[in-house]
Amino acid sequence: MRLSLASLDVLGSDTELRAQAQQAYLKTDTRQAPGTHTGQDRTGSIAVLVDGHRDVEDVSISQDWRSQLGVGGLADALFQAYTAALQTALEAAALRELQTDQDTPPPTAPASDAGQDDHVDEEHLWLRRTWRTLHEIDADLQRLAHEPNVDAEQAMSSPHGCLTLRLRGGSIVAITQDVARIARMDVGQVQFEARSLFQTYTLARARNRS
């Protein structure tokens, strides 16, 4: 289960918010390797796996992708799967931060008024940190949800030029394709093109981070 930002936003108390975050955390998919996150396109024909740095580790394309997407729909579906994987990674990061806060339970309310004030202040501090985390993640999700702008500043192509990443500010804003070239490829070749393209992008990101 993915973190529901909308459901968390309507909660007002520390207790309710902690309970909702704990429930979402417990329902995360434990079958997946720690630190990895998967996204799929709407048809489930393409799956993208990203790591904790949001770098693509793998791309899987189903054998029947042509019947599900049509040759012309490959690039858009690949971009959908990629952004879905990023969204999952962002939401998982929010859950981890909320869970870390929950691992340190709030102090029990003491009898004195001064102690009670301290307890209220700590609860408000936790809430403020939580809202800040949620709003930061929500802003990232809104950015991912925007329509891609294909007039990007840079482009990066796969080995045989059938897929191209459109980049702005080092981020992928769209994926385009050469339909004629893709039409001549089998699923293994298309999968190789997609994996190689993301590997090239990952290496470029690594150089920029160093």
C-alpha atoms as a PDB file:
ATOM      1  CA  MET A   1       0.000   0.000   0.000  1.00  0.00           C
ATOM      2  CA  ARG A   2       1.273   3.422  -0.896  1.00  0.00           C
ATOM      3  CA  LEU A   3       1.221   6.441   1.366  1.00  0.00           C
ATOM      4  CA  SER A   4      -1.950   8.458   0.908  1.00  0.00           C
ATOM      5  CA  LEU A   5      -0.978  12.087   1.233  1.00  0.00           C
ATOM      6  CA  ALA A   6      -4.570  13.224   0.884  1.00  0.00           C
ATOM      7  CA  SER A   7      -5.778  10.988   3.703  1.00  0.00           C
ATOM      8  CA  LEU A   8      -2.973  12.148   5.975  1.00  0.00           C
ATOM      9  CA  ASP A   9      -3.648  15.805   5.211  1.00  0.00           C
ATOM     10  CA  VAL A  10      -7.197  15.672   6.568  1.00  0.00           C
ATOM     11  CA  LEU A  11      -6.065  14.368   9.955  1.00  0.00           C
ATOM     12  CA  GLY A  12      -5.583  16.966  12.619  1.00  0.00           C
ATOM     13  CA  SER A  13      -4.295  15.270  15.747  1.00  0.00           C
ATOM     14  CA  ASP A  14      -0.949  13.721  16.561  1.00  0.00           C
ATOM     15  CA  THR A  15      -2.546  10.411  17.552  1.00  0.00           C
ATOM     16  CA  GLU A  16      -4.600  10.059  14.369  1.00  0.00           C
ATOM     17  CA  LEU A  17      -1.694  10.992  12.131  1.00  0.00           C
ATOM     18  CA  ARG A  18       0.705   8.558  13.814  1.00  0.00           C
ATOM     19  CA  ALA A  19      -1.877   5.774  13.526  1.00  0.00           C
ATOM     20  CA  GLN A  20      -2.436   6.434   9.811  1.00  0.00           C
ATOM     21  CA  ALA A  21       1.300   6.548   9.081  1.00  0.00           C
ATOM     22  CA  GLN A  22       1.870   3.323  11.041  1.00  0.00           C
ATOM     23  CA  GLN A  23      -0.905   1.564   9.132  1.00  0.00           C
ATOM     24  CA  ALA A  24       0.545   2.610   5.769  1.00  0.00           C
ATOM     25  CA  TYR A  25       4.037   1.565   6.859  1.00  0.00           C
ATOM     26  CA  LEU A  26       2.899  -1.902   7.923  1.00  0.00           C
ATOM     27  CA  LYS A  27       1.140  -2.439   4.594  1.00  0.00           C
ATOM     28  CA  THR A  28       4.173  -1.696   2.417  1.00  0.00           C
ATOM     29  CA  ASP A  29       5.217  -4.541   0.141  1.00  0.00           C
ATOM     30  CA  THR A  30       7.871  -6.510   2.034  1.00  0.00           C
ATOM     31  CA  ARG A  31       8.434  -8.861  -0.907  1.00  0.00           C
ATOM     32  CA  GLN A  32      10.483  -6.245  -2.721  1.00  0.00           C
ATOM     33  CA  ALA A  33      14.196  -5.856  -2.032  1.00  0.00           C
ATOM     34  CA  PRO A  34      14.872  -3.137   0.547  1.00  0.00           C
ATOM     35  CA  GLY A  35      15.606   0.224  -1.023  1.00  0.00           C
ATOM     36  CA  THR A  36      14.050  -0.611  -4.406  1.00  0.00           C
ATOM     37  CA  HIS A  37      10.740   0.612  -5.809  1.00  0.00           C
ATOM     38  CA  THR A  38       8.716  -0.459  -8.833  1.00  0.00           C
ATOM     39  CA  GLY A  39       6.358   1.471 -11.092  1.00  0.00           C
ATOM     40  CA  GLN A  40       4.198   0.307 -13.985  1.00  0.00           C
ATOM     41  CA  ASP A  41       2.316   1.902 -16.837  1.00  0.00           C
ATOM     42  CA  ARG A  42      -1.492   1.838 -16.823  1.00  0.00           C
ATOM     43  CA  THR A  43      -1.660  -1.480 -18.678  1.00  0.00           C
ATOM     44  CA  GLY A  44       1.037  -3.222 -16.652  1.00  0.00           C
ATOM     45  CA  SER A  45       3.008  -3.875 -19.837  1.00  0.00           C
ATOM     46  CA  ILE A  46       6.132  -2.065 -18.645  1.00  0.00           C
ATOM     47  CA  ALA A  47       7.730  -2.106 -15.191  1.00  0.00           C
ATOM     48  CA  VAL A  48      10.609   0.095 -14.037  1.00  0.00           C
ATOM     49  CA  LEU A  49      12.673  -0.650 -10.926  1.00  0.00           C
ATOM     50  CA  VAL A  50      14.515   2.210  -9.176  1.00  0.00           C
ATOM     51  CA  ASP A  51      16.909   2.180  -6.236  1.00  0.00           C
ATOM     52  CA  GLY A  52      17.201   4.436  -3.215  1.00  0.00           C
ATOM     53  CA  HIS A  53      18.901   7.135  -5.310  1.00  0.00           C
ATOM     54  CA  ARG A  54      15.971   6.945  -7.765  1.00  0.00           C
ATOM     55  CA  ASP A  55      18.276   5.527 -10.419  1.00  0.00           C
ATOM     56  CA  VAL A  56      16.763   2.912 -12.731  1.00  0.00           C
ATOM     57  CA  GLU A  57      18.054  -0.589 -11.997  1.00  0.00           C
ATOM     58  CA  ASP A  58      15.914  -2.518 -14.459  1.00  0.00           C
ATOM     59  CA  VAL A  59      13.192  -2.258 -17.101  1.00  0.00           C
ATOM     60  CA  SER A  60      10.845  -5.137 -17.900  1.00  0.00           C
ATOM     61  CA  ILE A  61       8.580  -5.215 -20.949  1.00  0.00           C
ATOM     62  CA  SER A  62       5.905  -7.878 -21.364  1.00  0.00           C
ATOM     63  CA  GLN A  63       5.747 -10.091 -24.437  1.00  0.00           C
ATOM     64  CA  ASP A  64       2.308  -8.765 -25.399  1.00  0.00           C
ATOM     65  CA  TRP A  65       3.174  -5.065 -25.115  1.00  0.00           C
ATOM     66  CA  ARG A  66       2.303  -4.393 -28.758  1.00  0.00           C
ATOM     67  CA  SER A  67      -1.261  -5.586 -28.338  1.00  0.00           C
ATOM     68  CA  GLN A  68      -1.632  -3.596 -25.125  1.00  0.00           C
ATOM     69  CA  LEU A  69       0.047  -0.351 -26.169  1.00  0.00           C
ATOM     70  CA  GLY A  70       0.519  -0.360 -29.910  1.00  0.00           C
ATOM     71  CA  VAL A  71       3.957   0.412 -31.308  1.00  0.00           C
ATOM     72  CA  GLY A  72       3.345   4.139 -30.970  1.00  0.00           C
ATOM     73  CA  GLY A  73       2.499   3.911 -27.281  1.00  0.00           C
ATOM     74  CA  LEU A  74       5.766   2.463 -26.004  1.00  0.00           C
ATOM     75  CA  ALA A  75       7.568   5.686 -25.061  1.00  0.00           C
ATOM     76  CA  ASP A  76       4.614   7.175 -23.185  1.00  0.00           C
ATOM     77  CA  ALA A  77       4.111   3.916 -21.271  1.00  0.00           C
ATOM     78  CA  LEU A  78       7.812   3.779 -20.388  1.00  0.00           C
ATOM     79  CA  PHE A  79       7.612   7.321 -19.050  1.00  0.00           C
ATOM     80  CA  GLN A  80       4.475   6.423 -17.050  1.00  0.00           C
ATOM     81  CA  ALA A  81       6.257   3.447 -15.483  1.00  0.00           C
ATOM     82  CA  TYR A  82       9.320   5.545 -14.682  1.00  0.00           C
ATOM     83  CA  THR A  83       7.359   8.347 -13.014  1.00  0.00           C
ATOM     84  CA  ALA A  84       5.257   5.786 -11.123  1.00  0.00           C
ATOM     85  CA  ALA A  85       8.462   4.243  -9.749  1.00  0.00           C
ATOM     86  CA  LEU A  86       9.719   7.685  -8.694  1.00  0.00           C
ATOM     87  CA  GLN A  87       6.415   8.404  -6.988  1.00  0.00           C
ATOM     88  CA  THR A  88       6.612   5.133  -5.074  1.00  0.00           C
ATOM     89  CA  ALA A  89      10.167   5.977  -3.986  1.00  0.00           C
ATOM     90  CA  LEU A  90       9.153   9.456  -2.831  1.00  0.00           C
ATOM     91  CA  GLU A  91       6.209   8.158  -0.841  1.00  0.00           C
ATOM     92  CA  ALA A  92       8.365   5.435   0.715  1.00  0.00           C
ATOM     93  CA  ALA A  93      10.842   8.111   1.802  1.00  0.00           C
ATOM     94  CA  ALA A  94       8.020   9.982   3.535  1.00  0.00           C
ATOM     95  CA  LEU A  95       6.893   6.807   5.278  1.00  0.00           C
ATOM     96  CA  ARG A  96      10.411   6.089   6.510  1.00  0.00           C
ATOM     97  CA  GLU A  97      10.692   9.565   7.955  1.00  0.00           C
ATOM     98  CA  LEU A  98       7.329   9.297   9.676  1.00  0.00           C
ATOM     99  CA  GLN A  99       8.213   5.840  10.992  1.00  0.00           C
ATOM    100  CA  THR A 100      11.539   7.105  12.341  1.00  0.00           C
ATOM    101  CA  ASP A 101       9.697   9.783  14.287  1.00  0.00           C
ATOM    102  CA  GLN A 102       7.262   7.179  15.581  1.00  0.00           C
ATOM    103  CA  ASP A 103      10.062   4.989  16.892  1.00  0.00           C
ATOM    104  CA  THR A 104      10.567   7.654  19.566  1.00  0.00           C
ATOM    105  CA  PRO A 105       7.215   7.775  21.358  1.00  0.00           C
ATOM    106  CA  PRO A 106       6.026  11.096  22.746  1.00  0.00           C
ATOM    107  CA  PRO A 107       6.511  11.508  26.499  1.00  0.00           C
ATOM    108  CA  THR A 108       3.607  10.726  28.765  1.00  0.00           C
ATOM    109  CA  ALA A 109       1.815  13.800  30.005  1.00  0.00           C
ATOM    110  CA  PRO A 110       3.149  14.787  33.474  1.00  0.00           C
ATOM    111  CA  ALA A 111       0.968  16.146  36.211  1.00  0.00           C
ATOM    112  CA  SER A 112       2.386  19.679  36.295  1.00  0.00           C
ATOM    113  CA  ASP A 113       1.128  22.386  33.985  1.00  0.00           C
ATOM    114  CA  ALA A 114       4.690  23.143  32.856  1.00  0.00           C
ATOM    115  CA  GLY A 115       5.215  19.496  31.926  1.00  0.00           C
ATOM    116  CA  GLN A 116       1.919  19.451  30.081  1.00  0.00           C
ATOM    117  CA  ASP A 117       3.038  22.456  28.056  1.00  0.00           C
ATOM    118  CA  ASP A 118       6.278  20.637  27.142  1.00  0.00           C
ATOM    119  CA  HIS A 119       4.265  17.636  25.961  1.00  0.00           C
ATOM    120  CA  VAL A 120       2.022  19.827  23.811  1.00  0.00           C
ATOM    121  CA  ASP A 121       5.047  21.589  22.344  1.00  0.00           C
ATOM    122  CA  GLU A 122       6.638  18.249  21.373  1.00  0.00           C
ATOM    123  CA  GLU A 123       3.416  17.057  19.752  1.00  0.00           C
ATOM    124  CA  HIS A 124       3.173  20.269  17.755  1.00  0.00           C
ATOM    125  CA  LEU A 125       6.816  19.939  16.717  1.00  0.00           C
ATOM    126  CA  TRP A 126       6.205  16.410  15.404  1.00  0.00           C
ATOM    127  CA  LEU A 127       3.143  17.608  13.527  1.00  0.00           C
ATOM    128  CA  ARG A 128       5.051  20.490  11.972  1.00  0.00           C
ATOM    129  CA  ARG A 129       7.828  18.145  10.820  1.00  0.00           C
ATOM    130  CA  THR A 130       5.235  15.757   9.416  1.00  0.00           C
ATOM    131  CA  TRP A 131       3.340  18.434   7.482  1.00  0.00           C
ATOM    132  CA  ARG A 132       6.634  19.757   6.095  1.00  0.00           C
ATOM    133  CA  THR A 133       7.599  16.274   4.928  1.00  0.00           C
ATOM    134  CA  LEU A 134       4.204  15.675   3.343  1.00  0.00           C
ATOM    135  CA  HIS A 135       4.179  19.023   1.578  1.00  0.00           C
ATOM    136  CA  GLU A 136       7.692  18.509   0.210  1.00  0.00           C
ATOM    137  CA  ILE A 137       6.770  15.073  -1.108  1.00  0.00           C
ATOM    138  CA  ASP A 138       3.481  16.423  -2.483  1.00  0.00           C
ATOM    139  CA  ALA A 139       5.382  19.144  -4.369  1.00  0.00           C
ATOM    140  CA  ASP A 140       7.617  16.492  -5.948  1.00  0.00           C
ATOM    141  CA  LEU A 141       4.572  14.435  -6.921  1.00  0.00           C
ATOM    142  CA  GLN A 142       2.922  17.480  -8.487  1.00  0.00           C
ATOM    143  CA  ARG A 143       6.055  18.071 -10.541  1.00  0.00           C
ATOM    144  CA  LEU A 144       5.976  14.478 -11.760  1.00  0.00           C
ATOM    145  CA  ALA A 145       2.283  14.769 -12.638  1.00  0.00           C
ATOM    146  CA  HIS A 146       2.779  17.753 -14.974  1.00  0.00           C
ATOM    147  CA  GLU A 147       2.451  17.171 -18.685  1.00  0.00           C
ATOM    148  CA  PRO A 148       5.937  16.524 -20.092  1.00  0.00           C
ATOM    149  CA  ASN A 149       7.445  19.355 -22.084  1.00  0.00           C
ATOM    150  CA  VAL A 150       9.167  17.856 -25.111  1.00  0.00           C
ATOM    151  CA  ASP A 151      11.002  21.105 -25.849  1.00  0.00           C
ATOM    152  CA  ALA A 152      13.677  20.078 -23.374  1.00  0.00           C
ATOM    153  CA  GLU A 153      17.168  21.519 -23.200  1.00  0.00           C
ATOM    154  CA  GLN A 154      18.978  18.194 -23.691  1.00  0.00           C
ATOM    155  CA  ALA A 155      18.377  14.804 -25.277  1.00  0.00           C
ATOM    156  CA  MET A 156      19.887  11.367 -24.689  1.00  0.00           C
ATOM    157  CA  SER A 157      19.260   8.470 -27.079  1.00  0.00           C
ATOM    158  CA  SER A 158      19.411   4.682 -26.778  1.00  0.00           C
ATOM    159  CA  PRO A 159      22.086   2.691 -28.678  1.00  0.00           C
ATOM    160  CA  HIS A 160      20.038   2.331 -31.882  1.00  0.00           C
ATOM    161  CA  GLY A 161      18.225   5.654 -31.510  1.00  0.00           C
ATOM    162  CA  CYS A 162      14.731   4.232 -31.079  1.00  0.00           C
ATOM    163  CA  LEU A 163      14.176   5.842 -27.648  1.00  0.00           C
ATOM    164  CA  THR A 164      15.191   9.301 -26.476  1.00  0.00           C
ATOM    165  CA  LEU A 165      15.142  10.886 -23.031  1.00  0.00           C
ATOM    166  CA  ARG A 166      14.214  14.570 -22.970  1.00  0.00           C
ATOM    167  CA  LEU A 167      15.997  16.323 -20.113  1.00  0.00           C
ATOM    168  CA  ARG A 168      15.614  19.636 -18.341  1.00  0.00           C
ATOM    169  CA  GLY A 169      17.799  20.559 -15.402  1.00  0.00           C
ATOM    170  CA  GLY A 170      19.140  17.009 -15.339  1.00  0.00           C
ATOM    171  CA  SER A 171      15.656  15.507 -14.881  1.00  0.00           C
ATOM    172  CA  ILE A 172      13.713  13.378 -17.351  1.00  0.00           C
ATOM    173  CA  VAL A 173      10.668  15.339 -18.529  1.00  0.00           C
ATOM    174  CA  ALA A 174       9.602  13.056 -21.394  1.00  0.00           C
ATOM    175  CA  ILE A 175      10.515   9.989 -23.435  1.00  0.00           C
ATOM    176  CA  THR A 176      10.045   9.996 -27.208  1.00  0.00           C
ATOM    177  CA  GLN A 177      10.510   7.292 -29.800  1.00  0.00           C
ATOM    178  CA  ASP A 178      11.253   6.427 -33.395  1.00  0.00           C
ATOM    179  CA  VAL A 179       8.203   4.356 -34.290  1.00  0.00           C
ATOM    180  CA  ALA A 180       9.675   2.887 -37.473  1.00  0.00           C
ATOM    181  CA  ARG A 181      12.750   1.532 -35.700  1.00  0.00           C
ATOM    182  CA  ILE A 182      10.757   0.121 -32.782  1.00  0.00           C
ATOM    183  CA  ALA A 183       8.384  -1.612 -35.193  1.00  0.00           C
ATOM    184  CA  ARG A 184      11.297  -3.701 -36.511  1.00  0.00           C
ATOM    185  CA  MET A 185      12.454  -4.826 -33.049  1.00  0.00           C
ATOM    186  CA  ASP A 186      11.388  -7.766 -30.906  1.00  0.00           C
ATOM    187  CA  VAL A 187      10.670  -7.404 -27.201  1.00  0.00           C
ATOM    188  CA  GLY A 188      14.217  -8.347 -26.182  1.00  0.00           C
ATOM    189  CA  GLN A 189      15.712  -5.680 -28.406  1.00  0.00           C
ATOM    190  CA  VAL A 190      13.314  -3.007 -27.170  1.00  0.00           C
ATOM    191  CA  GLN A 191      14.028  -3.982 -23.579  1.00  0.00           C
ATOM    192  CA  PHE A 192      17.770  -3.731 -24.240  1.00  0.00           C
ATOM    193  CA  GLU A 193      17.305  -0.248 -25.716  1.00  0.00           C
ATOM    194  CA  ALA A 194      15.317   0.941 -22.678  1.00  0.00           C
ATOM    195  CA  ARG A 195      17.750  -0.532 -20.150  1.00  0.00           C
ATOM    196  CA  SER A 196      20.790   0.864 -21.958  1.00  0.00           C
ATOM    197  CA  LEU A 197      19.200   4.298 -22.187  1.00  0.00           C
ATOM    198  CA  PHE A 198      18.536   4.482 -18.449  1.00  0.00           C
ATOM    199  CA  GLN A 199      22.006   3.096 -17.676  1.00  0.00           C
ATOM    200  CA  THR A 200      23.548   5.926 -19.686  1.00  0.00           C
ATOM    201  CA  TYR A 201      21.386   8.440 -17.840  1.00  0.00           C
ATOM    202  CA  THR A 202      22.356   6.921 -14.476  1.00  0.00           C
ATOM    203  CA  LEU A 203      26.066   7.168 -15.295  1.00  0.00           C
ATOM    204  CA  ALA A 204      25.615  10.815 -16.264  1.00  0.00           C
ATOM    205  CA  ARG A 205      23.815  11.512 -12.978  1.00  0.00           C
ATOM    206  CA  ALA A 206      26.566   9.759 -11.018  1.00  0.00           C
ATOM    207  CA  ARG A 207      29.209  11.949 -12.643  1.00  0.00           C
ATOM    208  CA  ASN A 208      27.213  15.052 -11.776  1.00  0.00           C
ATOM    209  CA  ARG A 209      26.838  13.928  -8.141  1.00  0.00           C
ATOM    210  CA  SER A 210      30.572  13.280  -7.715  1.00  0.00           C
END
